Amino acid sequence: MKRIIILLCAALVALPAFGAGQAEPPEDRVYEATFAHVVRPTIAKGIAADMFAEMVEERSNGRIVINVYPDSQLGNDREITEQMQLGDIEFNAPFAGVLPAFVSQTQIFDLPFAFPDSQAIFDAMHGEVGDVLDQYLLDQGLRVLGYWDGGFKHFTNSVRPIRTPDDMAGLRFRVSQSPLLIAQMQALGAAGIDIPFAELYTALQQGTVDGQENTLANNYTRRFYEAQDYMTLSGHGYLGYIFLVSESFYQSLPSDLQQIVEEVAAEVAEWQWEAAAEENDAFLEQLRETGIEITELSSQQRQAFIDATQSVYDDFERTVPGGSELLQALYRATGR
């Protein structure tokens, strides 16, 4: 009798160990996730988020259900990313300009005039530069599923047309949290002021800042032209979105669902880049109709801005761990 009891106890102890050794969770388990972002659901990024959620649910036969919260409903990009690290939010595609608070190497997006065109950006981010950034982000519990296009940034302000770096002198510009963006404004003689994106329209209306830098899509859909009189098509910076999934959530998925997530992410990224390019052309025409005064720079005027901001590259190489390696990868990708 004593031997039977001992054997039963041994069997009970072994059961949890056997269960823990199983490779995959049960196939009928449903994984619920949250995708939070800060833009309107009507532009390419917002549409891509909805598309991703719908396609993943369909291809997984309902085993993954993703609820999308656009338009800063769950916080700004930094707050959402913090919640991802805590395991409270699973997906986000934050503006790269807020990610230096988590991974300083993502400041490479904030280098002025770093990319000649969208194709160069795509090649860099889906090549050597992206490979390096992917690992830095993974070390912070954030797995990169892809890179989305937000378009090039342009200056707007309510004081005067901007044609030369001297025209920037003394102006207050809203920038995101990246130290390099603040350094860029300082190099141009302006002041960079960190204001959350959701508060930007009010800040422009109230005169907290004179101007801001943003994409054509954001300038139009957020109606910044209502509080700004001048726009310069500077294309000085790039607004990229890094499509992320919480590594803890990703690792909780069985391998077949991980594959679905990655495959759908790749397909949606390709669509998003094409859609973003098309909508940028359309938004420029719509902005022209608003009455905002638009200045286009000549190649000589553009070069003056490039020359004025070269010190920002020195700042990046000096202050960012691995900055020299990233710069060399960038130069190879862009042919500089």
Protein backbone atom coordinates (compact mmCIF):
# COMPACT_ATOMS: atom_id res chain seq x y z
CA MET A 1 0.00 0.00 0.00
CA LYS A 2 2.84 2.37 0.90
CA ARG A 3 4.51 1.63 -2.46
CA ILE A 4 1.27 2.49 -4.35
CA ILE A 5 1.01 5.86 -2.57
CA ILE A 6 4.64 6.68 -3.43
CA LEU A 7 4.05 5.80 -7.10
CA LEU A 8 0.90 7.94 -7.21
CA CYS A 9 2.74 10.91 -5.74
CA ALA A 10 5.54 10.50 -8.26
CA ALA A 11 3.02 10.44 -11.08
CA LEU A 12 1.33 13.61 -9.85
CA VAL A 13 4.68 15.40 -9.63
CA ALA A 14 5.56 14.28 -13.16
CA LEU A 15 2.32 15.55 -14.74
CA PRO A 16 3.14 19.29 -14.63
CA ALA A 17 6.62 18.58 -15.95
CA PHE A 18 5.12 16.62 -18.85
CA GLY A 19 2.71 19.47 -19.63
CA ALA A 20 5.49 22.05 -19.48
CA GLY A 21 7.48 20.06 -22.00
CA GLN A 22 4.78 20.23 -24.68
CA ALA A 23 6.07 22.24 -27.65
CA GLU A 24 2.86 23.96 -28.73
CA PRO A 25 -0.24 25.34 -26.97
CA PRO A 26 -3.62 23.82 -27.87
CA GLU A 27 -4.82 24.76 -31.36
CA ASP A 28 -8.23 25.95 -30.14
CA ARG A 29 -6.73 28.70 -27.97
CA VAL A 30 -7.64 32.25 -29.07
CA TYR A 31 -4.97 34.93 -28.70
CA GLU A 32 -6.34 38.44 -28.19
CA ALA A 33 -4.12 41.42 -28.86
CA THR A 34 -4.25 45.20 -29.01
CA PHE A 35 -2.83 47.33 -31.83
CA ALA A 36 -2.60 50.98 -30.74
CA HIS A 37 -1.37 53.89 -32.82
CA VAL A 38 -1.66 57.68 -32.98
CA VAL A 39 -2.80 58.57 -36.51
CA ARG A 40 -6.17 58.81 -38.20
CA PRO A 41 -7.53 55.50 -39.50
CA THR A 42 -8.05 57.10 -42.92
CA ILE A 43 -4.38 57.50 -43.95
CA ALA A 44 -2.05 54.77 -45.19
CA LYS A 45 -0.66 53.89 -41.76
CA GLY A 46 -4.11 53.69 -40.16
CA ILE A 47 -5.52 51.64 -43.02
CA ALA A 48 -2.51 49.31 -42.86
CA ALA A 49 -3.12 48.68 -39.15
CA ASP A 50 -6.73 47.67 -39.81
CA MET A 51 -5.67 45.58 -42.80
CA PHE A 52 -3.08 43.73 -40.73
CA ALA A 53 -5.60 42.92 -37.98
CA GLU A 54 -8.22 41.68 -40.44
CA MET A 55 -5.81 39.56 -42.48
CA VAL A 56 -4.23 37.94 -39.42
CA GLU A 57 -7.63 37.02 -37.98
CA GLU A 58 -8.76 35.60 -41.31
CA ARG A 59 -5.64 33.54 -42.00
CA SER A 60 -5.46 32.24 -38.46
CA ASN A 61 -9.12 31.18 -38.66
CA GLY A 62 -9.91 33.39 -35.70
CA ARG A 63 -7.10 32.11 -33.48
CA ILE A 64 -5.64 35.63 -33.29
CA VAL A 65 -8.01 38.54 -32.71
CA ILE A 66 -6.46 42.02 -32.86
CA ASN A 67 -8.38 45.08 -31.67
CA VAL A 68 -7.14 48.33 -33.23
CA TYR A 69 -7.20 51.65 -31.34
CA PRO A 70 -6.22 54.59 -33.61
CA ASP A 71 -5.85 58.31 -33.05
CA SER A 72 -3.99 58.25 -29.70
CA GLN A 73 -6.91 56.58 -27.90
CA LEU A 74 -4.50 54.64 -25.69
CA GLY A 75 -1.81 57.30 -25.41
CA ASN A 76 0.98 58.81 -27.45
CA ASP A 77 3.66 56.73 -29.18
CA ARG A 78 6.00 56.75 -26.22
CA GLU A 79 3.28 55.73 -23.77
CA ILE A 80 2.10 52.96 -26.10
CA THR A 81 5.65 51.63 -26.48
CA GLU A 82 6.11 51.61 -22.71
CA GLN A 83 2.89 49.62 -22.40
CA MET A 84 4.24 47.16 -24.97
CA GLN A 85 7.29 46.53 -22.81
CA LEU A 86 4.98 45.94 -19.84
CA GLY A 87 2.91 43.47 -21.86
CA ASP A 88 -0.27 45.57 -21.87
CA ILE A 89 -0.25 46.34 -25.62
CA GLU A 90 0.95 43.93 -28.29
CA PHE A 91 1.29 45.91 -31.55
CA ASN A 92 2.28 49.45 -32.51
CA ALA A 93 3.89 51.25 -35.44
CA PRO A 94 5.41 54.25 -33.66
CA PHE A 95 7.01 57.25 -35.28
CA ALA A 96 10.73 56.50 -35.16
CA GLY A 97 11.36 59.91 -33.63
CA VAL A 98 10.07 58.77 -30.22
CA LEU A 99 12.04 55.52 -30.12
CA PRO A 100 15.43 57.00 -29.13
CA ALA A 101 14.03 57.05 -25.58
CA PHE A 102 14.20 53.24 -25.81
CA VAL A 103 16.89 52.61 -28.44
CA SER A 104 19.23 55.51 -29.17
CA GLN A 105 20.31 54.00 -32.50
CA THR A 106 16.90 54.76 -34.01
CA GLN A 107 18.02 58.39 -34.16
CA ILE A 108 19.42 57.48 -37.57
CA PHE A 109 15.95 58.36 -38.91
CA ASP A 110 16.43 61.89 -37.58
CA LEU A 111 19.60 62.70 -39.49
CA PRO A 112 18.85 65.65 -41.79
CA PHE A 113 18.83 64.97 -45.53
CA ALA A 114 19.94 61.37 -44.92
CA PHE A 115 17.88 59.82 -47.71
CA PRO A 116 17.64 61.08 -51.30
CA ASP A 117 14.29 59.42 -51.98
CA SER A 118 11.79 56.84 -50.71
CA GLN A 119 13.42 53.95 -52.57
CA ALA A 120 16.71 54.58 -50.78
CA ILE A 121 14.87 54.46 -47.46
CA PHE A 122 13.13 51.20 -48.35
CA ASP A 123 16.41 49.59 -49.40
CA ALA A 124 18.21 50.75 -46.25
CA MET A 125 15.51 49.70 -43.81
CA HIS A 126 14.93 46.34 -45.47
CA GLY A 127 18.65 45.75 -45.76
CA GLU A 128 21.79 46.28 -43.72
CA VAL A 129 20.61 49.30 -41.71
CA GLY A 130 17.37 47.59 -40.74
CA ASP A 131 19.19 44.42 -39.72
CA VAL A 132 21.30 46.37 -37.23
CA LEU A 133 18.32 48.26 -35.80
CA ASP A 134 16.24 45.09 -35.50
CA GLN A 135 18.64 43.59 -32.97
CA TYR A 136 18.86 46.73 -30.85
CA LEU A 137 15.06 46.85 -30.62
CA LEU A 138 14.77 43.14 -29.88
CA ASP A 139 17.11 43.63 -26.94
CA GLN A 140 14.41 45.95 -25.52
CA GLY A 141 11.63 43.39 -25.96
CA LEU A 142 10.38 44.85 -29.24
CA ARG A 143 10.42 42.67 -32.36
CA VAL A 144 10.45 44.47 -35.71
CA LEU A 145 7.85 43.19 -38.17
CA GLY A 146 8.62 45.80 -40.80
CA TYR A 147 9.21 49.42 -41.66
CA TRP A 148 6.36 51.64 -42.87
CA ASP A 149 6.59 54.85 -44.85
CA GLY A 150 5.37 58.14 -43.44
CA GLY A 151 6.93 60.39 -46.03
CA PHE A 152 9.37 63.26 -45.89
CA LYS A 153 8.97 66.09 -43.42
CA HIS A 154 8.63 69.75 -44.35
CA PHE A 155 8.78 72.98 -42.37
CA THR A 156 5.65 75.02 -41.64
CA ASN A 157 5.38 78.19 -39.56
CA SER A 158 3.22 81.23 -38.91
CA VAL A 159 5.90 83.94 -39.08
CA ARG A 160 7.60 84.09 -42.50
CA PRO A 161 8.51 82.08 -45.59
CA ILE A 162 11.61 79.92 -45.11
CA ARG A 163 14.02 79.90 -48.04
CA THR A 164 17.41 79.91 -46.30
CA PRO A 165 18.79 78.70 -42.96
CA ASP A 166 18.88 82.34 -41.83
CA ASP A 167 15.08 82.43 -42.09
CA MET A 168 14.92 79.86 -39.27
CA ALA A 169 16.71 82.12 -36.79
CA GLY A 170 14.80 82.72 -33.58
CA LEU A 171 11.78 80.58 -34.49
CA ARG A 172 10.36 78.02 -32.09
CA PHE A 173 9.66 74.66 -33.71
CA ARG A 174 7.87 71.70 -32.25
CA VAL A 175 9.93 68.52 -32.54
CA SER A 176 9.53 65.03 -31.10
CA GLN A 177 11.66 63.65 -28.30
CA SER A 178 14.80 62.86 -30.31
CA PRO A 179 17.91 64.78 -29.17
CA LEU A 180 19.09 64.93 -32.79
CA LEU A 181 15.98 66.82 -33.86
CA ILE A 182 16.64 69.41 -31.18
CA ALA A 183 20.29 69.58 -32.34
CA GLN A 184 19.09 70.03 -35.92
CA MET A 185 17.00 73.04 -34.95
CA GLN A 186 19.89 74.52 -32.99
CA ALA A 187 22.16 74.13 -36.03
CA LEU A 188 19.64 76.18 -38.01
CA GLY A 189 19.38 78.87 -35.34
CA ALA A 190 15.91 77.80 -34.17
CA ALA A 191 14.68 76.36 -30.88
CA GLY A 192 13.37 72.80 -30.81
CA ILE A 193 10.55 72.26 -28.30
CA ASP A 194 9.24 68.80 -27.44
CA ILE A 195 5.42 68.71 -27.57
CA PRO A 196 3.31 65.52 -27.84
CA PHE A 197 1.80 65.03 -31.29
CA ALA A 198 -1.76 64.99 -29.91
CA GLU A 199 -1.21 68.48 -28.45
CA LEU A 200 0.46 70.00 -31.50
CA TYR A 201 -2.59 71.63 -33.12
CA THR A 202 -3.45 73.48 -29.91
CA ALA A 203 0.18 74.53 -29.46
CA LEU A 204 0.19 76.04 -32.95
CA GLN A 205 -3.13 77.80 -32.39
CA GLN A 206 -2.04 79.29 -29.07
CA GLY A 207 1.39 80.32 -30.32
CA THR A 208 3.28 78.06 -27.94
CA VAL A 209 5.48 77.35 -30.96
CA ASP A 210 5.85 79.20 -34.26
CA GLY A 211 6.12 76.16 -36.44
CA GLN A 212 6.64 72.45 -36.79
CA GLU A 213 7.99 69.79 -39.14
CA ASN A 214 5.69 67.15 -40.53
CA THR A 215 4.64 65.07 -43.48
CA LEU A 216 2.16 66.16 -46.12
CA ALA A 217 -0.32 63.59 -44.80
CA ASN A 218 -0.20 64.87 -41.24
CA ASN A 219 -0.21 68.51 -42.30
CA TYR A 220 -3.42 67.97 -44.23
CA THR A 221 -5.36 65.45 -42.13
CA ARG A 222 -4.51 67.25 -38.87
CA ARG A 223 -5.39 70.59 -40.48
CA PHE A 224 -2.18 72.24 -39.30
CA TYR A 225 -2.54 74.62 -42.24
CA GLU A 226 -5.34 76.33 -40.29
CA ALA A 227 -2.77 77.60 -37.77
CA GLN A 228 0.18 77.99 -40.16
CA ASP A 229 0.69 80.47 -42.99
CA TYR A 230 3.83 79.14 -44.65
CA MET A 231 5.15 75.77 -45.77
CA THR A 232 8.58 75.01 -47.21
CA LEU A 233 8.91 71.77 -49.17
CA SER A 234 12.27 71.08 -47.57
CA GLY A 235 12.14 67.29 -47.40
CA HIS A 236 14.81 67.72 -44.76
CA GLY A 237 13.77 64.81 -42.60
CA TYR A 238 12.06 61.49 -42.87
CA LEU A 239 9.14 60.24 -40.83
CA GLY A 240 9.36 56.49 -40.64
CA TYR A 241 7.19 54.10 -38.69
CA ILE A 242 8.66 50.93 -37.20
CA PHE A 243 6.05 48.17 -37.04
CA LEU A 244 6.58 46.38 -33.73
CA VAL A 245 5.18 43.44 -31.82
CA SER A 246 5.87 42.79 -28.17
CA GLU A 247 8.44 40.00 -28.01
CA SER A 248 6.67 38.40 -25.05
CA PHE A 249 3.43 38.15 -27.06
CA TYR A 250 5.26 36.90 -30.14
CA GLN A 251 6.95 34.14 -28.15
CA SER A 252 3.60 33.11 -26.64
CA LEU A 253 2.33 32.20 -30.11
CA PRO A 254 2.80 28.73 -31.58
CA SER A 255 5.12 28.59 -34.57
CA ASP A 256 2.35 28.43 -37.18
CA LEU A 257 0.80 31.65 -35.86
CA GLN A 258 4.20 33.35 -35.71
CA GLN A 259 4.59 32.54 -39.38
CA ILE A 260 1.17 34.00 -40.20
CA VAL A 261 1.99 37.22 -38.34
CA GLU A 262 5.29 37.62 -40.20
CA GLU A 263 3.85 36.79 -43.62
CA VAL A 264 0.94 39.19 -43.26
CA ALA A 265 3.24 41.90 -41.90
CA ALA A 266 5.45 41.62 -45.01
CA GLU A 267 2.45 41.86 -47.35
CA VAL A 268 0.93 44.82 -45.53
CA ALA A 269 4.28 46.66 -45.49
CA GLU A 270 4.55 46.39 -49.26
CA TRP A 271 1.01 47.75 -49.67
CA GLN A 272 1.59 50.54 -47.16
CA TRP A 273 4.66 51.89 -48.97
CA GLU A 274 2.79 52.08 -52.26
CA ALA A 275 -0.26 53.67 -50.66
CA ALA A 276 1.81 56.23 -48.74
CA ALA A 277 3.54 57.38 -51.94
CA GLU A 278 0.22 57.83 -53.72
CA GLU A 279 -1.42 59.71 -50.88
CA ASN A 280 1.53 62.08 -50.48
CA ASP A 281 1.05 63.28 -54.05
CA ALA A 282 -2.66 63.77 -53.40
CA PHE A 283 -2.13 65.59 -50.10
CA LEU A 284 0.27 68.07 -51.71
CA GLU A 285 -2.39 69.08 -54.21
CA GLN A 286 -4.98 69.38 -51.45
CA LEU A 287 -2.64 71.55 -49.38
CA ARG A 288 -2.15 73.87 -52.33
CA GLU A 289 -5.90 74.43 -52.33
CA THR A 290 -5.99 75.49 -48.66
CA GLY A 291 -4.25 78.79 -49.31
CA ILE A 292 -1.12 78.10 -47.28
CA GLU A 293 1.87 79.72 -49.00
CA ILE A 294 4.14 76.94 -50.29
CA THR A 295 7.84 77.52 -51.03
CA GLU A 296 9.88 75.08 -53.10
CA LEU A 297 13.65 75.13 -52.63
CA SER A 298 16.10 75.27 -55.50
CA SER A 299 18.99 72.80 -55.44
CA GLN A 300 21.27 75.61 -54.27
CA GLN A 301 18.92 76.60 -51.45
CA ARG A 302 18.58 72.97 -50.40
CA GLN A 303 22.36 72.57 -50.31
CA ALA A 304 22.59 75.52 -47.91
CA PHE A 305 20.40 73.61 -45.43
CA ILE A 306 22.47 70.45 -45.92
CA ASP A 307 25.68 72.33 -45.19
CA ALA A 308 24.18 74.03 -42.12
CA THR A 309 23.16 70.74 -40.50
CA GLN A 310 26.29 68.61 -41.03
CA SER A 311 27.22 68.93 -37.36
CA VAL A 312 24.24 66.71 -36.51
CA TYR A 313 26.04 63.75 -38.09
CA ASP A 314 29.01 64.37 -35.81
CA ASP A 315 26.64 64.41 -32.83
CA PHE A 316 25.16 61.06 -33.91
CA GLU A 317 28.54 59.39 -34.33
CA ARG A 318 29.84 60.77 -31.03
CA THR A 319 26.83 60.11 -28.78
CA VAL A 320 25.16 56.97 -30.14
CA PRO A 321 26.70 53.56 -29.33
CA GLY A 322 27.47 51.88 -32.64
CA GLY A 323 26.81 55.17 -34.41
CA SER A 324 29.84 54.92 -36.68
CA GLU A 325 28.83 51.42 -37.82
CA LEU A 326 25.29 52.60 -38.57
CA LEU A 327 26.52 55.63 -40.49
CA GLN A 328 28.73 53.48 -42.68
CA ALA A 329 25.80 51.14 -43.36
CA LEU A 330 23.67 54.17 -44.22
CA TYR A 331 26.29 55.54 -46.61
CA ARG A 332 26.55 52.18 -48.37
CA ALA A 333 22.77 51.94 -48.70
CA THR A 334 22.33 55.46 -50.05
CA GLY A 335 25.48 55.69 -52.17
CA ARG A 336 26.93 58.63 -50.25
